[in-house]
Amino acid sequence: MVHFVGAGSGAADLITIRGKKLLEEADVVIYAGSLVNPELLSWCGSDCEIHNSAYMTLDAVIDVMKKAEQEGKTTVRLHTGDSSLYGAIREQMDRLEEDGIPYDVCPGVSSFCGAAAALKTEYTLPEVSQSVIITRMAGRTPVPERESIRALAAHGATMVIFLSTGLLKELTAELLAGGYEPETPAAIVYKATWPDELVVRGTVAELAEMAEKNGIRKTALIVVGRVLASDYALSRLYAPDFSTEFREAER
């Protein structure tokens, strides 16, 4: 059996209880290199076989899984954050299905959630933004044209941008071309929830400068949108004149 496990956003204690238990019981662990907090590996048993996938190809990863299955061992594939976002797990699952190897998925706390916690912000504020766009700049991995930063920026929604810290000048140009004003609030969150977490706030126009001044070149999320400002409407859910299934509106 292979368990795909989300390691959480960084802090070791942000892995799920289920994920921790699977690590403790695993015979083989394949983890996503420096993106995974090494503290998590301390929960593996003394006889656990541990592999760093940063040095492995897809074929090599699958070979380790197949060998473990043939030997009746349990494998944990430990991905950063939640494996459903930029985790490259579909290609692994397809190969496992071809080989008849059973697998399941244990979700994790994504770094976009960790970034919101670091910023002490809410991505969906009434009358500001009720949508969150999670995306990335095109790089070695292309992005469909309809999902370009420029096209998505036209919505004016909250954006959380992965894997783009090395392309901030290009990102800024695309955000502005898509409709964000230069003074739109923006933030860079480096290693959200890790011990060396760093939050830098500014505007869309300042993104590249913010990163340069703070030596941030990778392992960071970019958050853009008016939710980072102070103006918003109160939620109707808790308004005294709003009835719910559990509370009558005050007259």
C-alpha atoms as a PDB file:
ATOM      1  CA  MET A   1       0.000   0.000   0.000  1.00  0.00           C
ATOM      2  CA  VAL A   2       1.173   3.514  -0.832  1.00  0.00           C
ATOM      3  CA  HIS A   3      -0.058   6.502   1.175  1.00  0.00           C
ATOM      4  CA  PHE A   4       0.303   9.970  -0.343  1.00  0.00           C
ATOM      5  CA  VAL A   5       0.622  12.280   2.663  1.00  0.00           C
ATOM      6  CA  GLY A   6       0.531  16.063   2.795  1.00  0.00           C
ATOM      7  CA  ALA A   7       3.340  17.194   5.092  1.00  0.00           C
ATOM      8  CA  GLY A   8       1.654  20.497   5.926  1.00  0.00           C
ATOM      9  CA  SER A   9       2.793  24.044   5.297  1.00  0.00           C
ATOM     10  CA  GLY A  10       6.068  23.876   7.195  1.00  0.00           C
ATOM     11  CA  ALA A  11       5.792  23.612  10.968  1.00  0.00           C
ATOM     12  CA  ALA A  12       6.119  19.956  11.950  1.00  0.00           C
ATOM     13  CA  ASP A  13       3.063  20.021  14.187  1.00  0.00           C
ATOM     14  CA  LEU A  14       0.848  21.149  11.300  1.00  0.00           C
ATOM     15  CA  ILE A  15       0.805  17.682   9.752  1.00  0.00           C
ATOM     16  CA  THR A  16      -2.498  15.901  10.360  1.00  0.00           C
ATOM     17  CA  ILE A  17      -2.832  13.301  13.107  1.00  0.00           C
ATOM     18  CA  ARG A  18      -3.467  10.701  10.411  1.00  0.00           C
ATOM     19  CA  GLY A  19      -0.380  11.789   8.490  1.00  0.00           C
ATOM     20  CA  LYS A  20       1.815  11.499  11.586  1.00  0.00           C
ATOM     21  CA  LYS A  21       0.474   8.027  12.314  1.00  0.00           C
ATOM     22  CA  LEU A  22       1.178   6.887   8.752  1.00  0.00           C
ATOM     23  CA  LEU A  23       4.762   8.161   9.018  1.00  0.00           C
ATOM     24  CA  GLU A  24       5.256   6.304  12.293  1.00  0.00           C
ATOM     25  CA  GLU A  25       3.994   3.067  10.739  1.00  0.00           C
ATOM     26  CA  ALA A  26       5.753   3.340   7.354  1.00  0.00           C
ATOM     27  CA  ASP A  27       8.397   0.872   6.195  1.00  0.00           C
ATOM     28  CA  VAL A  28       9.482   3.175   3.354  1.00  0.00           C
ATOM     29  CA  VAL A  29       9.229   6.970   3.081  1.00  0.00           C
ATOM     30  CA  ILE A  30       9.885   8.996  -0.059  1.00  0.00           C
ATOM     31  CA  TYR A  31       9.881  12.689   0.850  1.00  0.00           C
ATOM     32  CA  ALA A  32       9.963  15.857  -1.267  1.00  0.00           C
ATOM     33  CA  GLY A  33      13.440  17.061  -0.341  1.00  0.00           C
ATOM     34  CA  SER A  34      14.058  20.428   1.294  1.00  0.00           C
ATOM     35  CA  LEU A  35      10.405  21.397   0.886  1.00  0.00           C
ATOM     36  CA  VAL A  36       9.527  19.006   3.731  1.00  0.00           C
ATOM     37  CA  ASN A  37      10.472  19.865   7.312  1.00  0.00           C
ATOM     38  CA  PRO A  38      13.138  17.294   8.322  1.00  0.00           C
ATOM     39  CA  GLU A  39      11.612  17.127  11.806  1.00  0.00           C
ATOM     40  CA  LEU A  40       8.844  14.998  10.306  1.00  0.00           C
ATOM     41  CA  LEU A  41      11.314  12.253   9.444  1.00  0.00           C
ATOM     42  CA  SER A  42      12.183  11.867  13.128  1.00  0.00           C
ATOM     43  CA  TRP A  43       8.819  10.146  13.561  1.00  0.00           C
ATOM     44  CA  CYS A  44       9.835   7.342  11.214  1.00  0.00           C
ATOM     45  CA  GLY A  45      10.849   4.058  12.786  1.00  0.00           C
ATOM     46  CA  SER A  46      14.506   3.171  13.168  1.00  0.00           C
ATOM     47  CA  ASP A  47      14.206   0.535  10.419  1.00  0.00           C
ATOM     48  CA  CYS A  48      12.368   2.814   8.008  1.00  0.00           C
ATOM     49  CA  GLU A  49      13.961   3.161   4.563  1.00  0.00           C
ATOM     50  CA  ILE A  50      14.029   6.875   3.648  1.00  0.00           C
ATOM     51  CA  HIS A  51      14.483   8.372   0.152  1.00  0.00           C
ATOM     52  CA  ASN A  52      14.827  12.009  -0.921  1.00  0.00           C
ATOM     53  CA  SER A  53      12.888  12.441  -4.171  1.00  0.00           C
ATOM     54  CA  ALA A  54      14.801  15.629  -5.043  1.00  0.00           C
ATOM     55  CA  TYR A  55      17.489  13.302  -6.434  1.00  0.00           C
ATOM     56  CA  MET A  56      15.063  10.880  -8.112  1.00  0.00           C
ATOM     57  CA  THR A  57      13.227  10.616 -11.408  1.00  0.00           C
ATOM     58  CA  LEU A  58       9.597   9.500 -11.670  1.00  0.00           C
ATOM     59  CA  ASP A  59      10.775   6.041 -12.724  1.00  0.00           C
ATOM     60  CA  ALA A  60      13.069   5.829  -9.700  1.00  0.00           C
ATOM     61  CA  VAL A  61      10.238   6.811  -7.343  1.00  0.00           C
ATOM     62  CA  ILE A  62       7.932   4.186  -8.840  1.00  0.00           C
ATOM     63  CA  ASP A  63      10.649   1.538  -8.680  1.00  0.00           C
ATOM     64  CA  VAL A  64      11.028   2.118  -4.926  1.00  0.00           C
ATOM     65  CA  MET A  65       7.257   1.848  -4.477  1.00  0.00           C
ATOM     66  CA  LYS A  66       7.073  -1.350  -6.565  1.00  0.00           C
ATOM     67  CA  LYS A  67       9.934  -2.978  -4.665  1.00  0.00           C
ATOM     68  CA  ALA A  68       8.309  -2.113  -1.331  1.00  0.00           C
ATOM     69  CA  GLU A  69       4.994  -3.551  -2.505  1.00  0.00           C
ATOM     70  CA  GLN A  70       6.653  -6.777  -3.646  1.00  0.00           C
ATOM     71  CA  GLU A  71       8.208  -7.103  -0.195  1.00  0.00           C
ATOM     72  CA  GLY A  72       4.880  -6.501   1.551  1.00  0.00           C
ATOM     73  CA  LYS A  73       5.953  -3.101   2.902  1.00  0.00           C
ATOM     74  CA  THR A  74       3.970   0.100   3.421  1.00  0.00           C
ATOM     75  CA  THR A  75       5.173   3.248   1.650  1.00  0.00           C
ATOM     76  CA  VAL A  76       4.507   6.897   2.499  1.00  0.00           C
ATOM     77  CA  ARG A  77       5.025   9.404  -0.308  1.00  0.00           C
ATOM     78  CA  LEU A  78       5.468  12.600   1.688  1.00  0.00           C
ATOM     79  CA  HIS A  79       4.665  15.743  -0.279  1.00  0.00           C
ATOM     80  CA  THR A  80       4.876  19.353   0.837  1.00  0.00           C
ATOM     81  CA  GLY A  81       1.716  21.192   1.909  1.00  0.00           C
ATOM     82  CA  ASP A  82      -1.262  19.414   0.414  1.00  0.00           C
ATOM     83  CA  SER A  83      -0.326  17.097  -2.412  1.00  0.00           C
ATOM     84  CA  SER A  84      -3.271  18.180  -4.580  1.00  0.00           C
ATOM     85  CA  LEU A  85      -1.559  21.523  -5.353  1.00  0.00           C
ATOM     86  CA  TYR A  86       1.526  21.324  -7.584  1.00  0.00           C
ATOM     87  CA  GLY A  87       2.333  17.930  -6.087  1.00  0.00           C
ATOM     88  CA  ALA A  88       2.792  15.992  -9.371  1.00  0.00           C
ATOM     89  CA  ILE A  89       0.893  13.097  -7.812  1.00  0.00           C
ATOM     90  CA  ARG A  90      -1.427  12.253 -10.715  1.00  0.00           C
ATOM     91  CA  GLU A  91       1.439  10.798 -12.752  1.00  0.00           C
ATOM     92  CA  GLN A  92       2.470   8.644  -9.787  1.00  0.00           C
ATOM     93  CA  MET A  93      -1.085   7.446  -9.178  1.00  0.00           C
ATOM     94  CA  ASP A  94      -1.529   6.495 -12.829  1.00  0.00           C
ATOM     95  CA  ARG A  95       1.635   4.405 -12.734  1.00  0.00           C
ATOM     96  CA  LEU A  96       0.523   2.699  -9.523  1.00  0.00           C
ATOM     97  CA  GLU A  97      -2.825   1.842 -11.085  1.00  0.00           C
ATOM     98  CA  GLU A  98      -1.072   0.391 -14.127  1.00  0.00           C
ATOM     99  CA  ASP A  99       0.900  -1.860 -11.770  1.00  0.00           C
ATOM    100  CA  GLY A 100      -2.114  -2.761  -9.614  1.00  0.00           C
ATOM    101  CA  ILE A 101      -0.646  -1.171  -6.486  1.00  0.00           C
ATOM    102  CA  PRO A 102      -3.274   0.223  -4.087  1.00  0.00           C
ATOM    103  CA  TYR A 103      -2.905   3.759  -2.763  1.00  0.00           C
ATOM    104  CA  ASP A 104      -4.770   6.435  -0.864  1.00  0.00           C
ATOM    105  CA  VAL A 105      -4.354  10.123  -0.053  1.00  0.00           C
ATOM    106  CA  CYS A 106      -4.045  11.878   3.301  1.00  0.00           C
ATOM    107  CA  PRO A 107      -4.646  15.644   2.870  1.00  0.00           C
ATOM    108  CA  GLY A 108      -2.399  18.287   4.352  1.00  0.00           C
ATOM    109  CA  VAL A 109      -2.424  21.958   5.285  1.00  0.00           C
ATOM    110  CA  SER A 110      -1.437  23.847   2.141  1.00  0.00           C
ATOM    111  CA  SER A 111       1.073  26.674   2.283  1.00  0.00           C
ATOM    112  CA  PHE A 112      -1.605  29.037   0.991  1.00  0.00           C
ATOM    113  CA  CYS A 113      -3.402  28.422   4.289  1.00  0.00           C
ATOM    114  CA  GLY A 114      -0.133  28.897   6.150  1.00  0.00           C
ATOM    115  CA  ALA A 115       0.410  32.185   4.326  1.00  0.00           C
ATOM    116  CA  ALA A 116      -3.015  33.468   5.393  1.00  0.00           C
ATOM    117  CA  ALA A 117      -2.152  32.571   8.984  1.00  0.00           C
ATOM    118  CA  ALA A 118       1.191  34.368   8.715  1.00  0.00           C
ATOM    119  CA  LEU A 119      -0.544  37.437   7.296  1.00  0.00           C
ATOM    120  CA  LYS A 120      -3.349  37.199   9.871  1.00  0.00           C
ATOM    121  CA  THR A 121      -5.744  37.808   7.028  1.00  0.00           C
ATOM    122  CA  GLU A 122      -8.930  36.421   5.500  1.00  0.00           C
ATOM    123  CA  TYR A 123      -8.850  35.795   1.768  1.00  0.00           C
ATOM    124  CA  THR A 124     -12.610  36.249   1.348  1.00  0.00           C
ATOM    125  CA  LEU A 125     -13.871  39.542   2.768  1.00  0.00           C
ATOM    126  CA  PRO A 126     -17.456  40.736   2.135  1.00  0.00           C
ATOM    127  CA  GLU A 127     -17.692  43.386  -0.585  1.00  0.00           C
ATOM    128  CA  VAL A 128     -13.962  43.029  -1.323  1.00  0.00           C
ATOM    129  CA  SER A 129     -13.364  39.528  -2.701  1.00  0.00           C
ATOM    130  CA  GLN A 130     -15.286  36.273  -2.392  1.00  0.00           C
ATOM    131  CA  SER A 131     -12.945  34.249  -4.576  1.00  0.00           C
ATOM    132  CA  VAL A 132      -9.374  33.013  -4.249  1.00  0.00           C
ATOM    133  CA  ILE A 133      -7.349  32.289  -7.377  1.00  0.00           C
ATOM    134  CA  ILE A 134      -4.459  29.877  -6.796  1.00  0.00           C
ATOM    135  CA  THR A 135      -2.058  29.922  -9.721  1.00  0.00           C
ATOM    136  CA  ARG A 136       1.529  30.309 -10.903  1.00  0.00           C
ATOM    137  CA  MET A 137       3.576  32.091 -13.528  1.00  0.00           C
ATOM    138  CA  ALA A 138       4.527  30.124 -16.606  1.00  0.00           C
ATOM    139  CA  GLY A 139       8.098  28.866 -16.388  1.00  0.00           C
ATOM    140  CA  ARG A 140       9.623  25.534 -17.332  1.00  0.00           C
ATOM    141  CA  THR A 141       6.121  24.202 -16.708  1.00  0.00           C
ATOM    142  CA  PRO A 142       3.803  26.036 -19.118  1.00  0.00           C
ATOM    143  CA  VAL A 143       0.435  27.536 -18.163  1.00  0.00           C
ATOM    144  CA  PRO A 144      -2.590  27.458 -20.504  1.00  0.00           C
ATOM    145  CA  GLU A 145      -3.078  30.882 -22.123  1.00  0.00           C
ATOM    146  CA  ARG A 146      -6.586  31.161 -20.692  1.00  0.00           C
ATOM    147  CA  GLU A 147      -5.026  30.812 -17.226  1.00  0.00           C
ATOM    148  CA  SER A 148      -2.286  33.398 -17.673  1.00  0.00           C
ATOM    149  CA  ILE A 149      -1.695  35.822 -14.812  1.00  0.00           C
ATOM    150  CA  ARG A 150      -2.934  38.619 -17.066  1.00  0.00           C
ATOM    151  CA  ALA A 151      -6.209  36.807 -17.783  1.00  0.00           C
ATOM    152  CA  LEU A 152      -6.845  35.849 -14.150  1.00  0.00           C
ATOM    153  CA  ALA A 153      -5.917  39.289 -12.819  1.00  0.00           C
ATOM    154  CA  ALA A 154      -8.862  40.740 -14.751  1.00  0.00           C
ATOM    155  CA  HIS A 155     -11.173  39.279 -12.083  1.00  0.00           C
ATOM    156  CA  GLY A 156      -9.712  41.506  -9.377  1.00  0.00           C
ATOM    157  CA  ALA A 157     -10.069  38.639  -6.896  1.00  0.00           C
ATOM    158  CA  THR A 158      -7.594  37.590  -4.231  1.00  0.00           C
ATOM    159  CA  MET A 159      -4.659  35.833  -5.857  1.00  0.00           C
ATOM    160  CA  VAL A 160      -2.209  33.431  -4.225  1.00  0.00           C
ATOM    161  CA  ILE A 161       0.684  32.799  -6.575  1.00  0.00           C
ATOM    162  CA  PHE A 162       2.965  29.788  -6.195  1.00  0.00           C
ATOM    163  CA  LEU A 163       6.352  29.019  -7.742  1.00  0.00           C
ATOM    164  CA  SER A 164       6.941  32.520  -9.089  1.00  0.00           C
ATOM    165  CA  THR A 165       9.395  34.253  -6.739  1.00  0.00           C
ATOM    166  CA  GLY A 166      12.128  34.197  -9.355  1.00  0.00           C
ATOM    167  CA  LEU A 167       9.891  35.925 -11.897  1.00  0.00           C
ATOM    168  CA  LEU A 168       8.624  38.907  -9.929  1.00  0.00           C
ATOM    169  CA  LYS A 169       9.340  41.560 -12.532  1.00  0.00           C
ATOM    170  CA  GLU A 170       7.466  39.567 -15.147  1.00  0.00           C
ATOM    171  CA  LEU A 171       4.711  38.793 -12.624  1.00  0.00           C
ATOM    172  CA  THR A 172       4.270  42.462 -11.783  1.00  0.00           C
ATOM    173  CA  ALA A 173       3.967  43.370 -15.460  1.00  0.00           C
ATOM    174  CA  GLU A 174       1.301  40.703 -15.958  1.00  0.00           C
ATOM    175  CA  LEU A 175      -0.674  41.736 -12.859  1.00  0.00           C
ATOM    176  CA  LEU A 176      -0.705  45.371 -13.992  1.00  0.00           C
ATOM    177  CA  ALA A 177      -1.624  44.449 -17.554  1.00  0.00           C
ATOM    178  CA  GLY A 178      -4.498  42.363 -16.199  1.00  0.00           C
ATOM    179  CA  GLY A 179      -6.033  45.255 -14.318  1.00  0.00           C
ATOM    180  CA  TYR A 180      -4.548  45.500 -10.838  1.00  0.00           C
ATOM    181  CA  GLU A 181      -3.546  49.041  -9.917  1.00  0.00           C
ATOM    182  CA  PRO A 182       0.134  49.577  -8.993  1.00  0.00           C
ATOM    183  CA  GLU A 183      -0.897  50.447  -5.410  1.00  0.00           C
ATOM    184  CA  THR A 184      -2.899  47.217  -4.943  1.00  0.00           C
ATOM    185  CA  PRO A 185      -1.773  45.643  -1.647  1.00  0.00           C
ATOM    186  CA  ALA A 186       0.550  42.675  -2.005  1.00  0.00           C
ATOM    187  CA  ALA A 187       2.655  40.492   0.250  1.00  0.00           C
ATOM    188  CA  ILE A 188       5.449  37.978  -0.011  1.00  0.00           C
ATOM    189  CA  VAL A 189       5.369  35.179   2.544  1.00  0.00           C
ATOM    190  CA  TYR A 190       8.650  33.284   2.750  1.00  0.00           C
ATOM    191  CA  LYS A 191       8.478  29.755   4.229  1.00  0.00           C
ATOM    192  CA  ALA A 192       5.052  30.170   5.835  1.00  0.00           C
ATOM    193  CA  THR A 193       4.854  28.534   9.315  1.00  0.00           C
ATOM    194  CA  TRP A 194       8.551  27.489   9.284  1.00  0.00           C
ATOM    195  CA  PRO A 195      10.759  28.803  12.106  1.00  0.00           C
ATOM    196  CA  ASP A 196      12.403  31.250   9.678  1.00  0.00           C
ATOM    197  CA  GLU A 197       9.112  32.530   8.255  1.00  0.00           C
ATOM    198  CA  LEU A 198       9.245  36.066   6.877  1.00  0.00           C
ATOM    199  CA  VAL A 199       6.343  38.307   5.831  1.00  0.00           C
ATOM    200  CA  VAL A 200       6.970  41.347   3.652  1.00  0.00           C
ATOM    201  CA  ARG A 201       4.109  43.709   2.785  1.00  0.00           C
ATOM    202  CA  GLY A 202       3.881  46.326   0.070  1.00  0.00           C
ATOM    203  CA  THR A 203       2.155  46.855  -3.252  1.00  0.00           C
ATOM    204  CA  VAL A 204       2.053  45.121  -6.607  1.00  0.00           C
ATOM    205  CA  ALA A 205       4.453  47.701  -8.037  1.00  0.00           C
ATOM    206  CA  GLU A 206       6.958  46.978  -5.255  1.00  0.00           C
ATOM    207  CA  LEU A 207       7.031  43.165  -5.420  1.00  0.00           C
ATOM    208  CA  ALA A 208      10.432  42.751  -7.071  1.00  0.00           C
ATOM    209  CA  GLU A 209      11.986  45.372  -4.808  1.00  0.00           C
ATOM    210  CA  MET A 210      10.477  43.735  -1.708  1.00  0.00           C
ATOM    211  CA  ALA A 211      12.033  40.393  -2.572  1.00  0.00           C
ATOM    212  CA  GLU A 212      15.407  41.896  -3.475  1.00  0.00           C
ATOM    213  CA  LYS A 213      15.690  43.885  -0.247  1.00  0.00           C
ATOM    214  CA  ASN A 214      14.913  40.819   1.849  1.00  0.00           C
ATOM    215  CA  GLY A 215      16.962  38.299  -0.109  1.00  0.00           C
ATOM    216  CA  ILE A 216      13.921  36.209  -1.032  1.00  0.00           C
ATOM    217  CA  ARG A 217      14.517  34.119  -4.148  1.00  0.00           C
ATOM    218  CA  LYS A 218      12.449  30.974  -3.662  1.00  0.00           C
ATOM    219  CA  THR A 219      10.169  29.068  -1.254  1.00  0.00           C
ATOM    220  CA  ALA A 220       7.708  31.960  -1.021  1.00  0.00           C
ATOM    221  CA  LEU A 221       4.105  32.720  -1.914  1.00  0.00           C
ATOM    222  CA  ILE A 222       2.863  35.966  -3.418  1.00  0.00           C
ATOM    223  CA  VAL A 223      -0.509  37.234  -2.182  1.00  0.00           C
ATOM    224  CA  VAL A 224      -2.244  40.014  -4.087  1.00  0.00           C
ATOM    225  CA  GLY A 225      -5.552  41.745  -3.465  1.00  0.00           C
ATOM    226  CA  ARG A 226      -7.554  44.333  -1.601  1.00  0.00           C
ATOM    227  CA  VAL A 227      -8.209  41.844   1.232  1.00  0.00           C
ATOM    228  CA  LEU A 228      -4.790  42.917   2.494  1.00  0.00           C
ATOM    229  CA  ALA A 229      -6.130  46.445   3.055  1.00  0.00           C
ATOM    230  CA  SER A 230      -8.396  47.542   5.905  1.00  0.00           C
ATOM    231  CA  ASP A 231     -11.714  48.325   4.196  1.00  0.00           C
ATOM    232  CA  TYR A 232     -14.433  45.667   4.132  1.00  0.00           C
ATOM    233  CA  ALA A 233     -18.061  45.046   5.107  1.00  0.00           C
ATOM    234  CA  LEU A 234     -19.089  43.008   8.131  1.00  0.00           C
ATOM    235  CA  SER A 235     -20.398  39.501   7.537  1.00  0.00           C
ATOM    236  CA  ARG A 236     -24.191  39.257   7.374  1.00  0.00           C
ATOM    237  CA  LEU A 237     -24.008  35.921   9.210  1.00  0.00           C
ATOM    238  CA  TYR A 238     -23.539  37.629  12.572  1.00  0.00           C
ATOM    239  CA  ALA A 239     -25.623  40.731  11.920  1.00  0.00           C
ATOM    240  CA  PRO A 240     -28.391  41.208  14.519  1.00  0.00           C
ATOM    241  CA  ASP A 241     -31.037  41.656  11.789  1.00  0.00           C
ATOM    242  CA  PHE A 242     -30.061  38.441   9.993  1.00  0.00           C
ATOM    243  CA  SER A 243     -31.980  35.218  10.736  1.00  0.00           C
ATOM    244  CA  THR A 244     -30.349  31.781  10.532  1.00  0.00           C
ATOM    245  CA  GLU A 245     -31.459  28.214  11.213  1.00  0.00           C
ATOM    246  CA  PHE A 246     -30.235  28.679  14.792  1.00  0.00           C
ATOM    247  CA  ARG A 247     -31.021  32.326  15.615  1.00  0.00           C
ATOM    248  CA  GLU A 248     -33.914  34.678  14.959  1.00  0.00           C
ATOM    249  CA  ALA A 249     -33.174  38.176  13.775  1.00  0.00           C
ATOM    250  CA  GLU A 250     -33.577  40.882  16.377  1.00  0.00           C
ATOM    251  CA  ARG A 251     -36.641  43.092  15.792  1.00  0.00           C
END
